[in-house]
Amino acid sequence: MSEIKHVEEEVNFQKNDKFTLTMIPGKFAKAMRTCVIWQFIRFIIINIKMIIVVGKSH
């Protein structure tokens, strides 16, 4: 499994037309990005922060 990840990263840094320095997300990051429950929690937190900011300006 670690060999596959290593190869995946090497492909990302090959010198060709598609050269890029972007990071490849790890297993945990991929799980958090696809978890609907976590996305809903983040949505609520961001909305609360927005309400606080808007409330301070009025």
PDB file of N, CA and C in Angstrom:
ATOM      1  N   MET A   1       0.833  -1.195   0.000  1.00  0.00           N
ATOM      2  CA  MET A   1       0.000   0.000   0.000  1.00  0.00           C
ATOM      3  C   MET A   1       0.874   1.254   0.000  1.00  0.00           C
ATOM      4  N   SER A   2       1.932   1.264   0.798  1.00  0.00           N
ATOM      5  CA  SER A   2       2.779   2.451   0.836  1.00  0.00           C
ATOM      6  C   SER A   2       3.506   2.650  -0.489  1.00  0.00           C
ATOM      7  N   GLU A   3       3.776   1.560  -1.196  1.00  0.00           N
ATOM      8  CA  GLU A   3       4.431   1.680  -2.500  1.00  0.00           C
ATOM      9  C   GLU A   3       3.520   2.391  -3.497  1.00  0.00           C
ATOM     10  N   ILE A   4       2.238   2.102  -3.453  1.00  0.00           N
ATOM     11  CA  ILE A   4       1.287   2.731  -4.370  1.00  0.00           C
ATOM     12  C   ILE A   4       1.245   4.238  -4.112  1.00  0.00           C
ATOM     13  N   LYS A   5       1.206   4.623  -2.838  1.00  0.00           N
ATOM     14  CA  LYS A   5       1.177   6.038  -2.495  1.00  0.00           C
ATOM     15  C   LYS A   5       2.467   6.716  -2.960  1.00  0.00           C
ATOM     16  N   HIS A   6       3.587   6.058  -2.749  1.00  0.00           N
ATOM     17  CA  HIS A   6       4.877   6.614  -3.152  1.00  0.00           C
ATOM     18  C   HIS A   6       4.927   6.833  -4.659  1.00  0.00           C
ATOM     19  N   VAL A   7       4.441   5.864  -5.409  1.00  0.00           N
ATOM     20  CA  VAL A   7       4.419   5.977  -6.865  1.00  0.00           C
ATOM     21  C   VAL A   7       3.477   7.102  -7.285  1.00  0.00           C
ATOM     22  N   GLU A   8       2.343   7.207  -6.607  1.00  0.00           N
ATOM     23  CA  GLU A   8       1.370   8.255  -6.913  1.00  0.00           C
ATOM     24  C   GLU A   8       2.000   9.641  -6.725  1.00  0.00           C
ATOM     25  N   GLU A   9       2.796   9.809  -5.657  1.00  0.00           N
ATOM     26  CA  GLU A   9       3.450  11.082  -5.415  1.00  0.00           C
ATOM     27  C   GLU A   9       4.537  11.347  -6.448  1.00  0.00           C
ATOM     28  N   GLU A  10       5.272  10.306  -6.836  1.00  0.00           N
ATOM     29  CA  GLU A  10       6.321  10.484  -7.834  1.00  0.00           C
ATOM     30  C   GLU A  10       5.743  10.919  -9.169  1.00  0.00           C
ATOM     31  N   VAL A  11       4.603  10.359  -9.545  1.00  0.00           N
ATOM     32  CA  VAL A  11       3.955  10.742 -10.801  1.00  0.00           C
ATOM     33  C   VAL A  11       3.609  12.221 -10.763  1.00  0.00           C
ATOM     34  N   ASN A  12       3.223  12.720  -9.591  1.00  0.00           N
ATOM     35  CA  ASN A  12       2.851  14.117  -9.438  1.00  0.00           C
ATOM     36  C   ASN A  12       4.041  15.053  -9.658  1.00  0.00           C
ATOM     37  N   PHE A  13       5.262  14.589  -9.402  1.00  0.00           N
ATOM     38  CA  PHE A  13       6.439  15.447  -9.497  1.00  0.00           C
ATOM     39  C   PHE A  13       7.300  15.152 -10.727  1.00  0.00           C
ATOM     40  N   GLN A  14       6.800  14.391 -11.672  1.00  0.00           N
ATOM     41  CA  GLN A  14       7.571  14.129 -12.876  1.00  0.00           C
ATOM     42  C   GLN A  14       7.720  15.418 -13.685  1.00  0.00           C
ATOM     43  N   LYS A  15       8.839  15.522 -14.397  1.00  0.00           N
ATOM     44  CA  LYS A  15       9.065  16.718 -15.218  1.00  0.00           C
ATOM     45  C   LYS A  15       8.480  16.492 -16.600  1.00  0.00           C
ATOM     46  N   ASN A  16       7.278  16.941 -16.786  1.00  0.00           N
ATOM     47  CA  ASN A  16       6.605  16.884 -18.082  1.00  0.00           C
ATOM     48  C   ASN A  16       5.625  18.051 -18.158  1.00  0.00           C
ATOM     49  N   ASP A  17       4.731  18.009 -19.109  1.00  0.00           N
ATOM     50  CA  ASP A  17       3.779  19.106 -19.290  1.00  0.00           C
ATOM     51  C   ASP A  17       2.832  19.270 -18.103  1.00  0.00           C
ATOM     52  N   LYS A  18       2.623  18.221 -17.341  1.00  0.00           N
ATOM     53  CA  LYS A  18       1.665  18.263 -16.240  1.00  0.00           C
ATOM     54  C   LYS A  18       2.355  18.471 -14.888  1.00  0.00           C
ATOM     55  N   PHE A  19       3.545  19.065 -14.857  1.00  0.00           N
ATOM     56  CA  PHE A  19       4.290  19.272 -13.616  1.00  0.00           C
ATOM     57  C   PHE A  19       3.499  20.183 -12.681  1.00  0.00           C
ATOM     58  N   THR A  20       3.371  19.755 -11.446  1.00  0.00           N
ATOM     59  CA  THR A  20       2.644  20.538 -10.460  1.00  0.00           C
ATOM     60  C   THR A  20       3.227  20.276  -9.078  1.00  0.00           C
ATOM     61  N   LEU A  21       3.142  21.240  -8.206  1.00  0.00           N
ATOM     62  CA  LEU A  21       3.646  21.091  -6.848  1.00  0.00           C
ATOM     63  C   LEU A  21       2.511  20.932  -5.841  1.00  0.00           C
ATOM     64  N   THR A  22       1.320  20.584  -6.310  1.00  0.00           N
ATOM     65  CA  THR A  22       0.191  20.424  -5.403  1.00  0.00           C
ATOM     66  C   THR A  22       0.362  19.174  -4.558  1.00  0.00           C
ATOM     67  N   MET A  23      -0.144  19.242  -3.348  1.00  0.00           N
ATOM     68  CA  MET A  23      -0.051  18.095  -2.446  1.00  0.00           C
ATOM     69  C   MET A  23      -1.160  17.097  -2.756  1.00  0.00           C
ATOM     70  N   ILE A  24      -0.879  15.832  -2.526  1.00  0.00           N
ATOM     71  CA  ILE A  24      -1.883  14.785  -2.658  1.00  0.00           C
ATOM     72  C   ILE A  24      -2.442  14.542  -1.262  1.00  0.00           C
ATOM     73  N   PRO A  25      -3.759  14.688  -1.062  1.00  0.00           N
ATOM     74  CA  PRO A  25      -4.311  14.532   0.282  1.00  0.00           C
ATOM     75  C   PRO A  25      -4.155  13.107   0.797  1.00  0.00           C
ATOM     76  N   GLY A  26      -3.966  12.996   2.094  1.00  0.00           N
ATOM     77  CA  GLY A  26      -3.820  11.696   2.733  1.00  0.00           C
ATOM     78  C   GLY A  26      -5.166  11.029   2.954  1.00  0.00           C
ATOM     79  N   LYS A  27      -5.109   9.872   3.577  1.00  0.00           N
ATOM     80  CA  LYS A  27      -6.319   9.075   3.818  1.00  0.00           C
ATOM     81  C   LYS A  27      -7.309   9.823   4.718  1.00  0.00           C
ATOM     82  N   PHE A  28      -6.779  10.453   5.792  1.00  0.00           N
ATOM     83  CA  PHE A  28      -7.649  11.172   6.729  1.00  0.00           C
ATOM     84  C   PHE A  28      -8.316  12.367   6.055  1.00  0.00           C
ATOM     85  N   ALA A  29      -7.561  13.130   5.276  1.00  0.00           N
ATOM     86  CA  ALA A  29      -8.118  14.297   4.592  1.00  0.00           C
ATOM     87  C   ALA A  29      -9.195  13.892   3.597  1.00  0.00           C
ATOM     88  N   LYS A  30      -8.966  12.810   2.874  1.00  0.00           N
ATOM     89  CA  LYS A  30      -9.976  12.328   1.927  1.00  0.00           C
ATOM     90  C   LYS A  30     -11.245  11.906   2.659  1.00  0.00           C
ATOM     91  N   ALA A  31     -11.080  11.256   3.806  1.00  0.00           N
ATOM     92  CA  ALA A  31     -12.245  10.817   4.578  1.00  0.00           C
ATOM     93  C   ALA A  31     -13.047  12.008   5.082  1.00  0.00           C
ATOM     94  N   MET A  32     -12.349  13.045   5.562  1.00  0.00           N
ATOM     95  CA  MET A  32     -13.047  14.225   6.085  1.00  0.00           C
ATOM     96  C   MET A  32     -13.755  15.000   4.977  1.00  0.00           C
ATOM     97  N   ARG A  33     -13.186  15.004   3.790  1.00  0.00           N
ATOM     98  CA  ARG A  33     -13.805  15.732   2.671  1.00  0.00           C
ATOM     99  C   ARG A  33     -15.041  15.034   2.142  1.00  0.00           C
ATOM    100  N   THR A  34     -15.138  13.739   2.335  1.00  0.00           N
ATOM    101  CA  THR A  34     -16.270  12.982   1.794  1.00  0.00           C
ATOM    102  C   THR A  34     -17.301  12.610   2.858  1.00  0.00           C
ATOM    103  N   CYS A  35     -17.036  12.926   4.126  1.00  0.00           N
ATOM    104  CA  CYS A  35     -17.959  12.588   5.217  1.00  0.00           C
ATOM    105  C   CYS A  35     -19.074  13.639   5.291  1.00  0.00           C
ATOM    106  N   VAL A  36     -20.288  13.225   5.030  1.00  0.00           N
ATOM    107  CA  VAL A  36     -21.425  14.146   5.005  1.00  0.00           C
ATOM    108  C   VAL A  36     -21.689  14.726   6.392  1.00  0.00           C
ATOM    109  N   ILE A  37     -21.540  13.928   7.426  1.00  0.00           N
ATOM    110  CA  ILE A  37     -21.783  14.407   8.794  1.00  0.00           C
ATOM    111  C   ILE A  37     -20.791  15.520   9.136  1.00  0.00           C
ATOM    112  N   TRP A  38     -19.502  15.317   8.827  1.00  0.00           N
ATOM    113  CA  TRP A  38     -18.493  16.344   9.106  1.00  0.00           C
ATOM    114  C   TRP A  38     -18.758  17.609   8.305  1.00  0.00           C
ATOM    115  N   GLN A  39     -19.170  17.457   7.057  1.00  0.00           N
ATOM    116  CA  GLN A  39     -19.458  18.631   6.230  1.00  0.00           C
ATOM    117  C   GLN A  39     -20.632  19.416   6.807  1.00  0.00           C
ATOM    118  N   PHE A  40     -21.628  18.738   7.338  1.00  0.00           N
ATOM    119  CA  PHE A  40     -22.777  19.421   7.954  1.00  0.00           C
ATOM    120  C   PHE A  40     -22.333  20.181   9.198  1.00  0.00           C
ATOM    121  N   ILE A  41     -21.473  19.565  10.016  1.00  0.00           N
ATOM    122  CA  ILE A  41     -20.967  20.225  11.220  1.00  0.00           C
ATOM    123  C   ILE A  41     -20.178  21.474  10.835  1.00  0.00           C
ATOM    124  N   ARG A  42     -19.306  21.378   9.829  1.00  0.00           N
ATOM    125  CA  ARG A  42     -18.535  22.534   9.371  1.00  0.00           C
ATOM    126  C   ARG A  42     -19.463  23.637   8.843  1.00  0.00           C
ATOM    127  N   PHE A  43     -20.522  23.248   8.144  1.00  0.00           N
ATOM    128  CA  PHE A  43     -21.498  24.196   7.627  1.00  0.00           C
ATOM    129  C   PHE A  43     -22.127  24.991   8.771  1.00  0.00           C
ATOM    130  N   ILE A  44     -22.514  24.306   9.827  1.00  0.00           N
ATOM    131  CA  ILE A  44     -23.122  24.962  10.990  1.00  0.00           C
ATOM    132  C   ILE A  44     -22.117  25.911  11.644  1.00  0.00           C
ATOM    133  N   ILE A  45     -20.873  25.457  11.834  1.00  0.00           N
ATOM    134  CA  ILE A  45     -19.849  26.292  12.471  1.00  0.00           C
ATOM    135  C   ILE A  45     -19.593  27.558  11.652  1.00  0.00           C
ATOM    136  N   ILE A  46     -19.476  27.410  10.344  1.00  0.00           N
ATOM    137  CA  ILE A  46     -19.225  28.577   9.479  1.00  0.00           C
ATOM    138  C   ILE A  46     -20.406  29.538   9.531  1.00  0.00           C
ATOM    139  N   ASN A  47     -21.629  29.021   9.547  1.00  0.00           N
ATOM    140  CA  ASN A  47     -22.810  29.891   9.625  1.00  0.00           C
ATOM    141  C   ASN A  47     -22.854  30.650  10.944  1.00  0.00           C
ATOM    142  N   ILE A  48     -22.493  29.994  12.038  1.00  0.00           N
ATOM    143  CA  ILE A  48     -22.463  30.674  13.334  1.00  0.00           C
ATOM    144  C   ILE A  48     -21.435  31.801  13.315  1.00  0.00           C
ATOM    145  N   LYS A  49     -20.258  31.534  12.734  1.00  0.00           N
ATOM    146  CA  LYS A  49     -19.234  32.583  12.632  1.00  0.00           C
ATOM    147  C   LYS A  49     -19.725  33.751  11.791  1.00  0.00           C
ATOM    148  N   MET A  50     -20.428  33.459  10.709  1.00  0.00           N
ATOM    149  CA  MET A  50     -20.956  34.532   9.856  1.00  0.00           C
ATOM    150  C   MET A  50     -21.996  35.354  10.599  1.00  0.00           C
ATOM    151  N   ILE A  51     -22.848  34.727  11.366  1.00  0.00           N
ATOM    152  CA  ILE A  51     -23.871  35.440  12.148  1.00  0.00           C
ATOM    153  C   ILE A  51     -23.202  36.370  13.145  1.00  0.00           C
ATOM    154  N   ILE A  52     -22.126  35.908  13.777  1.00  0.00           N
ATOM    155  CA  ILE A  52     -21.410  36.732  14.753  1.00  0.00           C
ATOM    156  C   ILE A  52     -20.801  37.948  14.067  1.00  0.00           C
ATOM    157  N   VAL A  53     -20.156  37.756  12.919  1.00  0.00           N
ATOM    158  CA  VAL A  53     -19.519  38.860  12.197  1.00  0.00           C
ATOM    159  C   VAL A  53     -20.552  39.874  11.732  1.00  0.00           C
ATOM    160  N   VAL A  54     -21.655  39.402  11.160  1.00  0.00           N
ATOM    161  CA  VAL A  54     -22.709  40.303  10.681  1.00  0.00           C
ATOM    162  C   VAL A  54     -23.354  41.010  11.864  1.00  0.00           C
ATOM    163  N   GLY A  55     -23.532  40.304  12.980  1.00  0.00           N
ATOM    164  CA  GLY A  55     -24.124  40.912  14.163  1.00  0.00           C
ATOM    165  C   GLY A  55     -23.271  42.027  14.728  1.00  0.00           C
ATOM    166  N   LYS A  56     -21.952  41.890  14.650  1.00  0.00           N
ATOM    167  CA  LYS A  56     -21.054  42.948  15.143  1.00  0.00           C
ATOM    168  C   LYS A  56     -21.113  44.200  14.272  1.00  0.00           C
ATOM    169  N   SER A  57     -21.398  44.020  12.992  1.00  0.00           N
ATOM    170  CA  SER A  57     -21.388  45.175  12.080  1.00  0.00           C
ATOM    171  C   SER A  57     -22.696  45.963  12.118  1.00  0.00           C
ATOM    172  N   HIS A  58     -23.734  45.419  12.723  1.00  0.00           N
ATOM    173  CA  HIS A  58     -25.026  46.148  12.748  1.00  0.00           C
ATOM    174  C   HIS A  58     -25.315  46.718  14.094  1.00  0.00           C
TER     175      HIS A  58
END
